[in-house]
Amino acid sequence: MQKIKKGDEVVVLAGKDKGRKGSVIQVMPKDGKALVSGINMVKRHQSQTPSREAGIIAKEAPIDLSNLAIADPKDGKPTRVGFRVEDGKKVRFAKRSGELIDG
């Protein structure tokens, strides 16, 4: 079970977007990276194809998982993630407040 999953609200701990929050679009566990909406934006030149226009587009670049922390469901501050078994199911909880993350 992963500590950070698609759809989680995360806080950036390091880099140019330090302190900003966003939602996880995609997690790449093999590379140890994740795509977060609106975070680590880069501009890319795009050539024209029949389905899309040419030009410069801004898109999210992958950010290392070590630079992300889950936002506490209670106060929105960065927290570490713990696991425990409740009703025979393994669930994630915020170590800062004890709240369940996937409830």
C-alpha atoms as a PDB file:
ATOM      1  CA  MET A   1       0.000   0.000   0.000  1.00  0.00           C
ATOM      2  CA  GLN A   2       1.331   3.423  -0.971  1.00  0.00           C
ATOM      3  CA  LYS A   3       1.558   6.437   1.300  1.00  0.00           C
ATOM      4  CA  ILE A   4       0.563   8.853  -1.486  1.00  0.00           C
ATOM      5  CA  LYS A   5      -2.218   7.938  -3.928  1.00  0.00           C
ATOM      6  CA  LYS A   6      -4.029   9.523  -6.874  1.00  0.00           C
ATOM      7  CA  GLY A   7      -6.523  12.137  -5.663  1.00  0.00           C
ATOM      8  CA  ASP A   8      -4.704  12.917  -2.386  1.00  0.00           C
ATOM      9  CA  GLU A   9      -4.258  16.528  -1.316  1.00  0.00           C
ATOM     10  CA  VAL A  10      -0.522  17.138  -0.854  1.00  0.00           C
ATOM     11  CA  VAL A  11       1.796  19.947   0.310  1.00  0.00           C
ATOM     12  CA  VAL A  12       5.146  20.596  -1.421  1.00  0.00           C
ATOM     13  CA  LEU A  13       8.043  20.503   1.078  1.00  0.00           C
ATOM     14  CA  ALA A  14      10.934  21.588  -1.158  1.00  0.00           C
ATOM     15  CA  GLY A  15      11.670  23.260  -4.480  1.00  0.00           C
ATOM     16  CA  LYS A  16      10.283  26.279  -6.334  1.00  0.00           C
ATOM     17  CA  ASP A  17       6.691  25.517  -5.258  1.00  0.00           C
ATOM     18  CA  LYS A  18       7.499  24.994  -1.537  1.00  0.00           C
ATOM     19  CA  GLY A  19       4.425  25.454   0.658  1.00  0.00           C
ATOM     20  CA  ARG A  20       1.887  25.152  -2.174  1.00  0.00           C
ATOM     21  CA  LYS A  21      -0.937  22.601  -2.167  1.00  0.00           C
ATOM     22  CA  GLY A  22      -2.323  20.504  -4.980  1.00  0.00           C
ATOM     23  CA  SER A  23      -4.114  17.313  -5.855  1.00  0.00           C
ATOM     24  CA  VAL A  24      -2.203  14.258  -7.110  1.00  0.00           C
ATOM     25  CA  ILE A  25      -3.023  13.468 -10.755  1.00  0.00           C
ATOM     26  CA  GLN A  26      -0.765  10.436 -11.196  1.00  0.00           C
ATOM     27  CA  VAL A  27       1.760   8.479  -9.108  1.00  0.00           C
ATOM     28  CA  MET A  28       4.774   6.747 -10.673  1.00  0.00           C
ATOM     29  CA  PRO A  29       6.010   4.365  -7.942  1.00  0.00           C
ATOM     30  CA  LYS A  30       8.742   2.869 -10.140  1.00  0.00           C
ATOM     31  CA  ASP A  31      10.358   6.306 -10.591  1.00  0.00           C
ATOM     32  CA  GLY A  32       9.406   7.584  -7.126  1.00  0.00           C
ATOM     33  CA  LYS A  33       7.634  10.591  -8.636  1.00  0.00           C
ATOM     34  CA  ALA A  34       4.139  12.075  -8.860  1.00  0.00           C
ATOM     35  CA  LEU A  35       2.258  14.607 -10.988  1.00  0.00           C
ATOM     36  CA  VAL A  36       0.487  17.277  -8.920  1.00  0.00           C
ATOM     37  CA  SER A  37      -2.041  19.685 -10.458  1.00  0.00           C
ATOM     38  CA  GLY A  38      -0.652  23.214 -10.818  1.00  0.00           C
ATOM     39  CA  ILE A  39       2.704  22.300  -9.238  1.00  0.00           C
ATOM     40  CA  ASN A  40       6.126  22.205 -10.973  1.00  0.00           C
ATOM     41  CA  MET A  41       4.744  23.753 -14.174  1.00  0.00           C
ATOM     42  CA  VAL A  42       7.039  23.758 -17.221  1.00  0.00           C
ATOM     43  CA  LYS A  43       6.577  25.253 -20.689  1.00  0.00           C
ATOM     44  CA  ARG A  44       6.936  22.887 -23.638  1.00  0.00           C
ATOM     45  CA  HIS A  45       6.982  23.573 -27.357  1.00  0.00           C
ATOM     46  CA  GLN A  46       4.374  21.485 -29.165  1.00  0.00           C
ATOM     47  CA  SER A  47       4.344  20.723 -32.871  1.00  0.00           C
ATOM     48  CA  GLN A  48       1.105  20.773 -34.817  1.00  0.00           C
ATOM     49  CA  THR A  49      -0.812  17.564 -35.536  1.00  0.00           C
ATOM     50  CA  PRO A  50      -4.277  17.078 -37.005  1.00  0.00           C
ATOM     51  CA  SER A  51      -5.738  16.839 -33.482  1.00  0.00           C
ATOM     52  CA  ARG A  52      -3.861  19.673 -31.698  1.00  0.00           C
ATOM     53  CA  GLU A  53      -2.570  23.184 -32.286  1.00  0.00           C
ATOM     54  CA  ALA A  54       1.086  24.153 -32.375  1.00  0.00           C
ATOM     55  CA  GLY A  55       2.543  26.491 -29.772  1.00  0.00           C
ATOM     56  CA  ILE A  56       3.937  26.673 -26.273  1.00  0.00           C
ATOM     57  CA  ILE A  57       1.930  24.846 -23.615  1.00  0.00           C
ATOM     58  CA  ALA A  58       2.373  24.772 -19.842  1.00  0.00           C
ATOM     59  CA  LYS A  59       2.101  21.377 -18.188  1.00  0.00           C
ATOM     60  CA  GLU A  60       2.977  19.661 -14.927  1.00  0.00           C
ATOM     61  CA  ALA A  61       6.366  17.972 -14.602  1.00  0.00           C
ATOM     62  CA  PRO A  62       6.867  15.030 -12.218  1.00  0.00           C
ATOM     63  CA  ILE A  63       7.976  15.937  -8.679  1.00  0.00           C
ATOM     64  CA  ASP A  64       9.845  13.577  -6.353  1.00  0.00           C
ATOM     65  CA  LEU A  65       7.725  11.838  -3.710  1.00  0.00           C
ATOM     66  CA  SER A  66      10.276  12.809  -1.028  1.00  0.00           C
ATOM     67  CA  ASN A  67       9.341  16.468  -1.633  1.00  0.00           C
ATOM     68  CA  LEU A  68       5.624  15.843  -1.002  1.00  0.00           C
ATOM     69  CA  ALA A  69       3.672  15.337   2.217  1.00  0.00           C
ATOM     70  CA  ILE A  70      -0.015  14.599   2.640  1.00  0.00           C
ATOM     71  CA  ALA A  71      -2.080  17.533   3.915  1.00  0.00           C
ATOM     72  CA  ASP A  72      -3.670  16.758   7.298  1.00  0.00           C
ATOM     73  CA  PRO A  73      -7.468  16.373   6.854  1.00  0.00           C
ATOM     74  CA  LYS A  74      -8.003  18.436  10.037  1.00  0.00           C
ATOM     75  CA  ASP A  75      -5.864  21.561   9.480  1.00  0.00           C
ATOM     76  CA  GLY A  76      -4.261  21.185   6.025  1.00  0.00           C
ATOM     77  CA  LYS A  77      -0.674  21.218   7.330  1.00  0.00           C
ATOM     78  CA  PRO A  78       1.885  18.609   6.131  1.00  0.00           C
ATOM     79  CA  THR A  79       1.791  15.311   8.010  1.00  0.00           C
ATOM     80  CA  ARG A  80       3.399  11.907   7.904  1.00  0.00           C
ATOM     81  CA  VAL A  81       1.298   8.858   7.073  1.00  0.00           C
ATOM     82  CA  GLY A  82       0.811   5.802   9.246  1.00  0.00           C
ATOM     83  CA  PHE A  83      -1.026   2.534   8.667  1.00  0.00           C
ATOM     84  CA  ARG A  84      -3.320   0.635  10.999  1.00  0.00           C
ATOM     85  CA  VAL A  85      -5.904  -2.117  10.714  1.00  0.00           C
ATOM     86  CA  GLU A  86      -9.529  -1.198  11.405  1.00  0.00           C
ATOM     87  CA  ASP A  87     -12.371  -3.709  10.920  1.00  0.00           C
ATOM     88  CA  GLY A  88      -9.963  -6.067   9.132  1.00  0.00           C
ATOM     89  CA  LYS A  89      -8.971  -3.364   6.610  1.00  0.00           C
ATOM     90  CA  LYS A  90      -5.615  -1.613   6.330  1.00  0.00           C
ATOM     91  CA  VAL A  91      -6.194   2.153   6.415  1.00  0.00           C
ATOM     92  CA  ARG A  92      -3.973   5.246   6.252  1.00  0.00           C
ATOM     93  CA  PHE A  93      -4.066   7.842   9.013  1.00  0.00           C
ATOM     94  CA  ALA A  94      -2.417  11.210   9.603  1.00  0.00           C
ATOM     95  CA  LYS A  95       0.232  10.952  12.305  1.00  0.00           C
ATOM     96  CA  ARG A  96      -0.253  14.645  13.190  1.00  0.00           C
ATOM     97  CA  SER A  97      -3.940  14.437  14.189  1.00  0.00           C
ATOM     98  CA  GLY A  98      -4.771  10.719  14.082  1.00  0.00           C
ATOM     99  CA  GLU A  99      -7.530  11.346  11.495  1.00  0.00           C
ATOM    100  CA  LEU A 100      -8.200   8.733   8.806  1.00  0.00           C
ATOM    101  CA  ILE A 101      -7.047   9.782   5.340  1.00  0.00           C
ATOM    102  CA  ASP A 102      -9.068   7.255   3.342  1.00  0.00           C
ATOM    103  CA  GLY A 103     -12.198   6.869   5.381  1.00  0.00           C
END
